[in-house]
Amino acid sequence: MTDIRNKRTLVTGAAMGMGLLMAEKFAQHGARVAMVDINEPALEEAAEQLRAKGLDVEPFVCDLAERKHIVALREEVLDRLGRIDILVNNAGVVAGGHYEDIAPELDDLMLRVNVDAVHWMTKEFMGDLKAGRDCHIVNMASAAGMLGVPDQAVYCASKWFVIGLSEAIRQEFRDQGISHIGISIICPSLVNTGMFDGAQEPILSPILDPDFVADKVIEAVENDELYVREPFMVKLTPLLRATLPTGVLDTMLEKFGVTKLMKGHRGRE
């Protein structure tokens, strides 16, 4: 069990969407929350909204695409709040389109935010977590981290990285005898935050309510659950990959609309 009360919790991408909702949920459960985002006006507004509800939050502006800014962020958080207990790597970027058609600068941004930032945030704050008691890491992956999805190649690859990194760190903790740091890997399908506006909902995989996913994250932290996979078809994905021949799985994904889900994607403005 990880008790959230009085825990210093850092949430990236906290100015909007899932990040803002998770910051609110953690604060409602008694955490002191460091809200991190690159969008300063939106971040300040979000922090004021939560403070108006009586919640204990502190905004921190940071460009997570730059490692030097992550290093500076850790020093600022340590100075203003102290050592963190819970790290939520939520910030993410998605661009849809054929692999060769996506602009190089968008590929670069996805890799720097979805891959590099998760790595450097985890590594930079690892010392704080190891020095603490009853700590936790939440890494926002995706159902896309378990399947290859057309028009989502780099995004899928970045989420595979998140899952692989999380699993490897978990095994390192076991090898080192570290039992006070839990890890939760969050793998939802489409979530109604605007990030996937225009995407086509696959059969039997309804677009998820953000509040539902945020509650699942809280439950995962409190109960030390390794995976959150939602909805039900996402829970079945590892089994289907392990048991079905490749051609059968490909046909099934096509029939269920998974291979077409990004065709109308426009994303958040």
C-alpha atoms as a PDB file:
ATOM      1  CA  MET A   1       0.000   0.000   0.000  1.00  0.00           C
ATOM      2  CA  THR A   2       1.148   3.545  -0.789  1.00  0.00           C
ATOM      3  CA  ASP A   3      -0.484   6.140   1.435  1.00  0.00           C
ATOM      4  CA  ILE A   4      -0.959   9.321  -0.619  1.00  0.00           C
ATOM      5  CA  ARG A   5      -1.676  11.575   2.359  1.00  0.00           C
ATOM      6  CA  ASN A   6       1.030  14.173   2.977  1.00  0.00           C
ATOM      7  CA  LYS A   7       3.114  12.830   0.106  1.00  0.00           C
ATOM      8  CA  ARG A   8       4.939  15.329  -2.084  1.00  0.00           C
ATOM      9  CA  THR A   9       3.723  14.368  -5.560  1.00  0.00           C
ATOM     10  CA  LEU A  10       5.076  15.688  -8.861  1.00  0.00           C
ATOM     11  CA  VAL A  11       2.837  15.531 -11.948  1.00  0.00           C
ATOM     12  CA  THR A  12       4.144  16.504 -15.387  1.00  0.00           C
ATOM     13  CA  GLY A  13       1.876  17.901 -18.089  1.00  0.00           C
ATOM     14  CA  ALA A  14      -0.305  19.244 -15.287  1.00  0.00           C
ATOM     15  CA  ALA A  15      -1.768  22.335 -16.959  1.00  0.00           C
ATOM     16  CA  MET A  16      -4.572  20.450 -18.716  1.00  0.00           C
ATOM     17  CA  GLY A  17      -6.051  17.076 -19.561  1.00  0.00           C
ATOM     18  CA  MET A  18      -5.093  14.006 -17.572  1.00  0.00           C
ATOM     19  CA  GLY A  19      -2.243  15.833 -15.857  1.00  0.00           C
ATOM     20  CA  LEU A  20      -4.505  18.484 -14.374  1.00  0.00           C
ATOM     21  CA  LEU A  21      -7.073  15.901 -13.353  1.00  0.00           C
ATOM     22  CA  MET A  22      -4.468  13.710 -11.668  1.00  0.00           C
ATOM     23  CA  ALA A  23      -2.968  16.701  -9.876  1.00  0.00           C
ATOM     24  CA  GLU A  24      -6.437  17.446  -8.501  1.00  0.00           C
ATOM     25  CA  LYS A  25      -7.073  13.816  -7.508  1.00  0.00           C
ATOM     26  CA  PHE A  26      -3.751  13.459  -5.697  1.00  0.00           C
ATOM     27  CA  ALA A  27      -4.306  16.761  -3.886  1.00  0.00           C
ATOM     28  CA  GLN A  28      -7.822  15.679  -2.898  1.00  0.00           C
ATOM     29  CA  HIS A  29      -6.259  12.590  -1.341  1.00  0.00           C
ATOM     30  CA  GLY A  30      -4.043  14.782   0.817  1.00  0.00           C
ATOM     31  CA  ALA A  31      -0.895  15.079  -1.282  1.00  0.00           C
ATOM     32  CA  ARG A  32       1.084  18.256  -1.747  1.00  0.00           C
ATOM     33  CA  VAL A  33       1.341  18.467  -5.532  1.00  0.00           C
ATOM     34  CA  ALA A  34       4.040  19.968  -7.723  1.00  0.00           C
ATOM     35  CA  MET A  35       2.341  20.800 -11.027  1.00  0.00           C
ATOM     36  CA  VAL A  36       4.834  20.869 -13.910  1.00  0.00           C
ATOM     37  CA  ASP A  37       4.156  22.159 -17.416  1.00  0.00           C
ATOM     38  CA  ILE A  38       5.778  24.217 -20.182  1.00  0.00           C
ATOM     39  CA  ASN A  39       2.645  26.355 -20.724  1.00  0.00           C
ATOM     40  CA  GLU A  40       3.041  28.980 -17.991  1.00  0.00           C
ATOM     41  CA  PRO A  41      -0.270  30.865 -18.442  1.00  0.00           C
ATOM     42  CA  ALA A  42      -2.314  27.655 -18.523  1.00  0.00           C
ATOM     43  CA  LEU A  43      -0.331  26.240 -15.597  1.00  0.00           C
ATOM     44  CA  GLU A  44      -0.851  29.300 -13.418  1.00  0.00           C
ATOM     45  CA  GLU A  45      -4.566  29.314 -14.208  1.00  0.00           C
ATOM     46  CA  ALA A  46      -4.856  25.605 -13.423  1.00  0.00           C
ATOM     47  CA  ALA A  47      -2.997  26.023 -10.127  1.00  0.00           C
ATOM     48  CA  GLU A  48      -5.259  28.901  -9.105  1.00  0.00           C
ATOM     49  CA  GLN A  49      -8.335  26.804  -9.900  1.00  0.00           C
ATOM     50  CA  LEU A  50      -7.137  24.033  -7.623  1.00  0.00           C
ATOM     51  CA  ARG A  51      -6.070  26.423  -4.868  1.00  0.00           C
ATOM     52  CA  ALA A  52      -9.527  27.965  -4.975  1.00  0.00           C
ATOM     53  CA  LYS A  53     -10.807  24.501  -4.038  1.00  0.00           C
ATOM     54  CA  GLY A  54      -8.526  24.487  -1.015  1.00  0.00           C
ATOM     55  CA  LEU A  55      -5.979  22.107  -2.531  1.00  0.00           C
ATOM     56  CA  ASP A  56      -2.244  22.261  -1.837  1.00  0.00           C
ATOM     57  CA  VAL A  57      -0.504  22.717  -5.202  1.00  0.00           C
ATOM     58  CA  GLU A  58       2.597  24.515  -6.472  1.00  0.00           C
ATOM     59  CA  PRO A  59       3.218  25.306 -10.162  1.00  0.00           C
ATOM     60  CA  PHE A  60       6.641  24.754 -11.763  1.00  0.00           C
ATOM     61  CA  VAL A  61       7.322  25.850 -15.337  1.00  0.00           C
ATOM     62  CA  CYS A  62       9.651  23.479 -17.167  1.00  0.00           C
ATOM     63  CA  ASP A  63      10.452  22.496 -20.738  1.00  0.00           C
ATOM     64  CA  LEU A  64      10.782  18.735 -20.302  1.00  0.00           C
ATOM     65  CA  ALA A  65      12.247  18.400 -23.794  1.00  0.00           C
ATOM     66  CA  GLU A  66      15.521  19.792 -22.431  1.00  0.00           C
ATOM     67  CA  ARG A  67      17.499  17.747 -19.920  1.00  0.00           C
ATOM     68  CA  LYS A  68      19.167  20.823 -18.401  1.00  0.00           C
ATOM     69  CA  HIS A  69      15.720  22.163 -17.509  1.00  0.00           C
ATOM     70  CA  ILE A  70      14.847  18.888 -15.784  1.00  0.00           C
ATOM     71  CA  VAL A  71      18.024  19.164 -13.714  1.00  0.00           C
ATOM     72  CA  ALA A  72      17.053  22.713 -12.740  1.00  0.00           C
ATOM     73  CA  LEU A  73      13.485  21.590 -12.000  1.00  0.00           C
ATOM     74  CA  ARG A  74      14.661  19.033  -9.477  1.00  0.00           C
ATOM     75  CA  GLU A  75      16.679  21.679  -7.643  1.00  0.00           C
ATOM     76  CA  GLU A  76      13.728  24.080  -7.624  1.00  0.00           C
ATOM     77  CA  VAL A  77      11.308  21.421  -6.364  1.00  0.00           C
ATOM     78  CA  LEU A  78      13.767  20.379  -3.667  1.00  0.00           C
ATOM     79  CA  ASP A  79      14.193  23.994  -2.578  1.00  0.00           C
ATOM     80  CA  ARG A  80      10.474  24.869  -2.543  1.00  0.00           C
ATOM     81  CA  LEU A  81       8.807  21.608  -1.525  1.00  0.00           C
ATOM     82  CA  GLY A  82      11.513  19.199  -0.445  1.00  0.00           C
ATOM     83  CA  ARG A  83      12.185  15.652  -1.619  1.00  0.00           C
ATOM     84  CA  ILE A  84       9.320  14.138  -3.650  1.00  0.00           C
ATOM     85  CA  ASP A  85       7.650  10.838  -2.774  1.00  0.00           C
ATOM     86  CA  ILE A  86       5.529  10.191  -5.870  1.00  0.00           C
ATOM     87  CA  LEU A  87       6.578  10.876  -9.459  1.00  0.00           C
ATOM     88  CA  VAL A  88       3.906  10.943 -12.171  1.00  0.00           C
ATOM     89  CA  ASN A  89       5.412  10.996 -15.672  1.00  0.00           C
ATOM     90  CA  ASN A  90       2.304  12.072 -17.542  1.00  0.00           C
ATOM     91  CA  ALA A  91       3.408  14.657 -20.137  1.00  0.00           C
ATOM     92  CA  GLY A  92       3.138  13.372 -23.688  1.00  0.00           C
ATOM     93  CA  VAL A  93       2.877  14.471 -27.312  1.00  0.00           C
ATOM     94  CA  VAL A  94       1.201  12.716 -30.245  1.00  0.00           C
ATOM     95  CA  ALA A  95       1.274  13.381 -33.978  1.00  0.00           C
ATOM     96  CA  GLY A  96      -0.709  11.272 -36.433  1.00  0.00           C
ATOM     97  CA  GLY A  97       0.040  10.405 -40.038  1.00  0.00           C
ATOM     98  CA  HIS A  98       2.042   8.056 -42.228  1.00  0.00           C
ATOM     99  CA  TYR A  99       5.483   7.416 -40.780  1.00  0.00           C
ATOM    100  CA  GLU A 100       7.360   9.084 -43.643  1.00  0.00           C
ATOM    101  CA  ASP A 101       4.973  12.058 -43.810  1.00  0.00           C
ATOM    102  CA  ILE A 102       5.248  13.335 -40.227  1.00  0.00           C
ATOM    103  CA  ALA A 103       7.487  16.392 -40.012  1.00  0.00           C
ATOM    104  CA  PRO A 104      10.912  15.675 -38.487  1.00  0.00           C
ATOM    105  CA  GLU A 105      10.376  18.363 -35.851  1.00  0.00           C
ATOM    106  CA  LEU A 106       7.220  16.559 -34.659  1.00  0.00           C
ATOM    107  CA  ASP A 107       9.069  13.243 -34.509  1.00  0.00           C
ATOM    108  CA  ASP A 108      11.798  14.961 -32.518  1.00  0.00           C
ATOM    109  CA  LEU A 109       9.307  16.506 -30.109  1.00  0.00           C
ATOM    110  CA  MET A 110       7.567  13.162 -29.502  1.00  0.00           C
ATOM    111  CA  LEU A 111      10.878  11.460 -28.796  1.00  0.00           C
ATOM    112  CA  ARG A 112      12.131  14.225 -26.511  1.00  0.00           C
ATOM    113  CA  VAL A 113       8.925  14.472 -24.452  1.00  0.00           C
ATOM    114  CA  ASN A 114       7.612  10.889 -24.549  1.00  0.00           C
ATOM    115  CA  VAL A 115      10.986   9.139 -24.262  1.00  0.00           C
ATOM    116  CA  ASP A 116      13.833  11.407 -23.134  1.00  0.00           C
ATOM    117  CA  ALA A 117      11.787  13.320 -20.562  1.00  0.00           C
ATOM    118  CA  VAL A 118      10.436  10.148 -18.949  1.00  0.00           C
ATOM    119  CA  HIS A 119      13.970   8.770 -18.735  1.00  0.00           C
ATOM    120  CA  TRP A 120      15.594  11.925 -17.366  1.00  0.00           C
ATOM    121  CA  MET A 121      12.773  12.773 -14.971  1.00  0.00           C
ATOM    122  CA  THR A 122      12.928   9.265 -13.524  1.00  0.00           C
ATOM    123  CA  LYS A 123      16.718   9.274 -13.300  1.00  0.00           C
ATOM    124  CA  GLU A 124      16.958  12.801 -11.882  1.00  0.00           C
ATOM    125  CA  PHE A 125      14.402  12.184  -9.123  1.00  0.00           C
ATOM    126  CA  MET A 126      15.398   8.569  -8.400  1.00  0.00           C
ATOM    127  CA  GLY A 127      17.698   9.596  -5.555  1.00  0.00           C
ATOM    128  CA  ASP A 128      14.801  11.341  -3.816  1.00  0.00           C
ATOM    129  CA  LEU A 129      12.612   8.258  -4.129  1.00  0.00           C
ATOM    130  CA  LYS A 130      15.315   5.898  -2.903  1.00  0.00           C
ATOM    131  CA  ALA A 131      15.951   8.150   0.097  1.00  0.00           C
ATOM    132  CA  GLY A 132      12.249   8.259   0.990  1.00  0.00           C
ATOM    133  CA  ARG A 133       9.746   5.840   2.436  1.00  0.00           C
ATOM    134  CA  ASP A 134       6.643   4.388   0.786  1.00  0.00           C
ATOM    135  CA  CYS A 135       7.255   6.020  -2.616  1.00  0.00           C
ATOM    136  CA  HIS A 136       5.827   5.440  -6.092  1.00  0.00           C
ATOM    137  CA  ILE A 137       6.443   6.033  -9.796  1.00  0.00           C
ATOM    138  CA  VAL A 138       3.503   6.394 -12.195  1.00  0.00           C
ATOM    139  CA  ASN A 139       4.404   6.148 -15.879  1.00  0.00           C
ATOM    140  CA  MET A 140       1.710   6.996 -18.385  1.00  0.00           C
ATOM    141  CA  ALA A 141       2.082   4.566 -21.258  1.00  0.00           C
ATOM    142  CA  SER A 142      -0.760   3.577 -23.590  1.00  0.00           C
ATOM    143  CA  ALA A 143      -2.489   0.641 -25.211  1.00  0.00           C
ATOM    144  CA  ALA A 144      -0.373   1.788 -28.172  1.00  0.00           C
ATOM    145  CA  GLY A 145       2.637   0.547 -26.208  1.00  0.00           C
ATOM    146  CA  MET A 146       1.446  -3.029 -26.688  1.00  0.00           C
ATOM    147  CA  LEU A 147       0.515  -2.949 -30.390  1.00  0.00           C
ATOM    148  CA  GLY A 148       1.725  -1.402 -33.595  1.00  0.00           C
ATOM    149  CA  VAL A 149      -0.895   1.066 -34.831  1.00  0.00           C
ATOM    150  CA  PRO A 150      -0.793   2.597 -38.347  1.00  0.00           C
ATOM    151  CA  ASP A 151      -0.269   6.386 -38.456  1.00  0.00           C
ATOM    152  CA  GLN A 152       1.101   6.250 -34.908  1.00  0.00           C
ATOM    153  CA  ALA A 153       4.521   4.685 -35.402  1.00  0.00           C
ATOM    154  CA  VAL A 154       6.733   6.984 -33.333  1.00  0.00           C
ATOM    155  CA  TYR A 155       4.080   7.458 -30.647  1.00  0.00           C
ATOM    156  CA  CYS A 156       3.684   3.671 -30.345  1.00  0.00           C
ATOM    157  CA  ALA A 157       7.447   3.242 -30.143  1.00  0.00           C
ATOM    158  CA  SER A 158       7.686   5.873 -27.415  1.00  0.00           C
ATOM    159  CA  LYS A 159       5.083   4.089 -25.304  1.00  0.00           C
ATOM    160  CA  TRP A 160       6.826   0.741 -25.787  1.00  0.00           C
ATOM    161  CA  PHE A 161       9.865   2.505 -24.340  1.00  0.00           C
ATOM    162  CA  VAL A 162       7.888   3.630 -21.291  1.00  0.00           C
ATOM    163  CA  ILE A 163       6.711   0.080 -20.616  1.00  0.00           C
ATOM    164  CA  GLY A 164      10.158  -1.416 -21.154  1.00  0.00           C
ATOM    165  CA  LEU A 165      11.879   1.165 -18.953  1.00  0.00           C
ATOM    166  CA  SER A 166       9.333   0.663 -16.184  1.00  0.00           C
ATOM    167  CA  GLU A 167       9.639  -3.118 -16.251  1.00  0.00           C
ATOM    168  CA  ALA A 168      13.448  -2.986 -16.243  1.00  0.00           C
ATOM    169  CA  ILE A 169      13.548  -0.550 -13.317  1.00  0.00           C
ATOM    170  CA  ARG A 170      11.099  -2.747 -11.416  1.00  0.00           C
ATOM    171  CA  GLN A 171      13.418  -5.710 -11.872  1.00  0.00           C
ATOM    172  CA  GLU A 172      16.399  -3.613 -10.773  1.00  0.00           C
ATOM    173  CA  PHE A 173      14.519  -2.716  -7.590  1.00  0.00           C
ATOM    174  CA  ARG A 174      13.952  -6.424  -6.938  1.00  0.00           C
ATOM    175  CA  ASP A 175      17.600  -7.178  -7.607  1.00  0.00           C
ATOM    176  CA  GLN A 176      18.707  -4.395  -5.236  1.00  0.00           C
ATOM    177  CA  GLY A 177      16.234  -5.341  -2.520  1.00  0.00           C
ATOM    178  CA  ILE A 178      14.327  -2.055  -2.864  1.00  0.00           C
ATOM    179  CA  SER A 179      10.746  -2.652  -1.770  1.00  0.00           C
ATOM    180  CA  HIS A 180       9.583   0.839  -0.786  1.00  0.00           C
ATOM    181  CA  ILE A 181       9.191   2.188  -4.362  1.00  0.00           C
ATOM    182  CA  GLY A 182       6.164   0.954  -6.296  1.00  0.00           C
ATOM    183  CA  ILE A 183       5.710   1.336 -10.046  1.00  0.00           C
ATOM    184  CA  SER A 184       2.435   1.645 -11.951  1.00  0.00           C
ATOM    185  CA  ILE A 185       2.303   1.515 -15.751  1.00  0.00           C
ATOM    186  CA  ILE A 186      -0.884   3.101 -17.107  1.00  0.00           C
ATOM    187  CA  CYS A 187      -2.066   1.726 -20.463  1.00  0.00           C
ATOM    188  CA  PRO A 188      -5.427   3.177 -21.480  1.00  0.00           C
ATOM    189  CA  SER A 189      -6.939   3.169 -24.924  1.00  0.00           C
ATOM    190  CA  LEU A 190      -8.296   6.511 -26.188  1.00  0.00           C
ATOM    191  CA  VAL A 191      -9.074   9.005 -23.410  1.00  0.00           C
ATOM    192  CA  ASN A 192     -11.417  11.948 -23.951  1.00  0.00           C
ATOM    193  CA  THR A 193      -8.966  14.764 -23.188  1.00  0.00           C
ATOM    194  CA  GLY A 194      -8.743  16.349 -26.660  1.00  0.00           C
ATOM    195  CA  MET A 195      -5.373  14.768 -27.379  1.00  0.00           C
ATOM    196  CA  PHE A 196      -7.019  12.222 -29.689  1.00  0.00           C
ATOM    197  CA  ASP A 197      -9.883  14.311 -31.050  1.00  0.00           C
ATOM    198  CA  GLY A 198     -11.026  12.940 -34.392  1.00  0.00           C
ATOM    199  CA  ALA A 199      -9.691   9.447 -33.781  1.00  0.00           C
ATOM    200  CA  GLN A 200     -12.128   6.633 -34.511  1.00  0.00           C
ATOM    201  CA  GLU A 201     -13.288   4.593 -31.537  1.00  0.00           C
ATOM    202  CA  PRO A 202     -12.465   0.876 -32.056  1.00  0.00           C
ATOM    203  CA  ILE A 203     -15.189  -1.744 -31.583  1.00  0.00           C
ATOM    204  CA  LEU A 204     -15.468  -2.840 -27.920  1.00  0.00           C
ATOM    205  CA  SER A 205     -12.997  -0.115 -26.875  1.00  0.00           C
ATOM    206  CA  PRO A 206     -15.063   2.950 -25.985  1.00  0.00           C
ATOM    207  CA  ILE A 207     -13.323   6.275 -25.493  1.00  0.00           C
ATOM    208  CA  LEU A 208     -12.573   6.516 -21.793  1.00  0.00           C
ATOM    209  CA  ASP A 209     -13.721   9.222 -19.416  1.00  0.00           C
ATOM    210  CA  PRO A 210     -10.654  11.030 -17.982  1.00  0.00           C
ATOM    211  CA  ASP A 211     -12.116  10.990 -14.474  1.00  0.00           C
ATOM    212  CA  PHE A 212     -12.404   7.203 -14.638  1.00  0.00           C
ATOM    213  CA  VAL A 213      -8.759   6.839 -15.706  1.00  0.00           C
ATOM    214  CA  ALA A 214      -7.554   9.258 -13.019  1.00  0.00           C
ATOM    215  CA  ASP A 215      -9.404   7.256 -10.364  1.00  0.00           C
ATOM    216  CA  LYS A 216      -7.743   4.095 -11.665  1.00  0.00           C
ATOM    217  CA  VAL A 217      -4.347   5.766 -11.291  1.00  0.00           C
ATOM    218  CA  ILE A 218      -5.087   6.654  -7.681  1.00  0.00           C
ATOM    219  CA  GLU A 219      -6.204   3.075  -7.002  1.00  0.00           C
ATOM    220  CA  ALA A 220      -3.045   1.725  -8.641  1.00  0.00           C
ATOM    221  CA  VAL A 221      -0.824   3.872  -6.421  1.00  0.00           C
ATOM    222  CA  GLU A 222      -2.733   3.046  -3.248  1.00  0.00           C
ATOM    223  CA  ASN A 223      -2.759  -0.690  -4.002  1.00  0.00           C
ATOM    224  CA  ASP A 224       0.689  -0.959  -5.623  1.00  0.00           C
ATOM    225  CA  GLU A 225      -0.766  -2.259  -8.892  1.00  0.00           C
ATOM    226  CA  LEU A 226       1.801  -2.701 -11.648  1.00  0.00           C
ATOM    227  CA  TYR A 227      -0.569  -2.261 -14.616  1.00  0.00           C
ATOM    228  CA  VAL A 228      -3.727  -0.328 -15.354  1.00  0.00           C
ATOM    229  CA  ARG A 229      -5.137  -1.538 -18.678  1.00  0.00           C
ATOM    230  CA  GLU A 230      -8.493  -0.099 -19.760  1.00  0.00           C
ATOM    231  CA  PRO A 231     -11.005  -0.819 -21.220  1.00  0.00           C
ATOM    232  CA  PHE A 232     -11.532  -4.571 -21.061  1.00  0.00           C
ATOM    233  CA  MET A 233     -10.190  -5.299 -24.565  1.00  0.00           C
ATOM    234  CA  VAL A 234      -6.887  -3.703 -23.576  1.00  0.00           C
ATOM    235  CA  LYS A 235      -6.676  -6.116 -20.638  1.00  0.00           C
ATOM    236  CA  LEU A 236      -6.912  -8.963 -23.164  1.00  0.00           C
ATOM    237  CA  THR A 237      -4.213  -7.600 -25.466  1.00  0.00           C
ATOM    238  CA  PRO A 238      -1.197  -9.363 -23.869  1.00  0.00           C
ATOM    239  CA  LEU A 239      -3.052 -12.687 -23.998  1.00  0.00           C
ATOM    240  CA  LEU A 240      -4.121 -12.176 -27.608  1.00  0.00           C
ATOM    241  CA  ARG A 241      -0.567 -11.274 -28.669  1.00  0.00           C
ATOM    242  CA  ALA A 242       0.812 -14.336 -26.897  1.00  0.00           C
ATOM    243  CA  THR A 243      -1.683 -16.873 -28.237  1.00  0.00           C
ATOM    244  CA  LEU A 244      -2.867 -15.775 -31.667  1.00  0.00           C
ATOM    245  CA  PRO A 245      -0.865 -16.260 -34.877  1.00  0.00           C
ATOM    246  CA  THR A 246       0.297 -12.950 -36.307  1.00  0.00           C
ATOM    247  CA  GLY A 247      -2.015 -13.084 -39.309  1.00  0.00           C
ATOM    248  CA  VAL A 248      -5.048 -13.851 -37.149  1.00  0.00           C
ATOM    249  CA  LEU A 249      -4.229 -10.998 -34.769  1.00  0.00           C
ATOM    250  CA  ASP A 250      -3.734  -8.599 -37.693  1.00  0.00           C
ATOM    251  CA  THR A 251      -7.145  -9.537 -39.127  1.00  0.00           C
ATOM    252  CA  MET A 252      -8.775  -9.140 -35.739  1.00  0.00           C
ATOM    253  CA  LEU A 253      -7.249  -5.674 -35.236  1.00  0.00           C
ATOM    254  CA  GLU A 254      -8.477  -4.659 -38.679  1.00  0.00           C
ATOM    255  CA  LYS A 255     -12.009  -5.950 -38.080  1.00  0.00           C
ATOM    256  CA  PHE A 256     -12.212  -4.194 -34.711  1.00  0.00           C
ATOM    257  CA  GLY A 257     -11.090  -0.883 -36.225  1.00  0.00           C
ATOM    258  CA  VAL A 258      -7.796  -0.601 -34.370  1.00  0.00           C
ATOM    259  CA  THR A 259      -5.803  -0.156 -37.584  1.00  0.00           C
ATOM    260  CA  LYS A 260      -8.065   2.710 -38.673  1.00  0.00           C
ATOM    261  CA  LEU A 261      -8.412   4.616 -35.399  1.00  0.00           C
ATOM    262  CA  MET A 262      -5.993   7.424 -36.395  1.00  0.00           C
ATOM    263  CA  LYS A 263      -7.463   8.090 -39.845  1.00  0.00           C
ATOM    264  CA  GLY A 264      -9.466  11.142 -38.748  1.00  0.00           C
ATOM    265  CA  HIS A 265      -7.175  12.263 -35.962  1.00  0.00           C
ATOM    266  CA  ARG A 266      -6.744  16.014 -35.587  1.00  0.00           C
ATOM    267  CA  GLY A 267      -5.781  16.271 -31.917  1.00  0.00           C
ATOM    268  CA  ARG A 268      -6.019  19.185 -29.536  1.00  0.00           C
ATOM    269  CA  GLU A 269      -5.729  22.635 -31.032  1.00  0.00           C
END
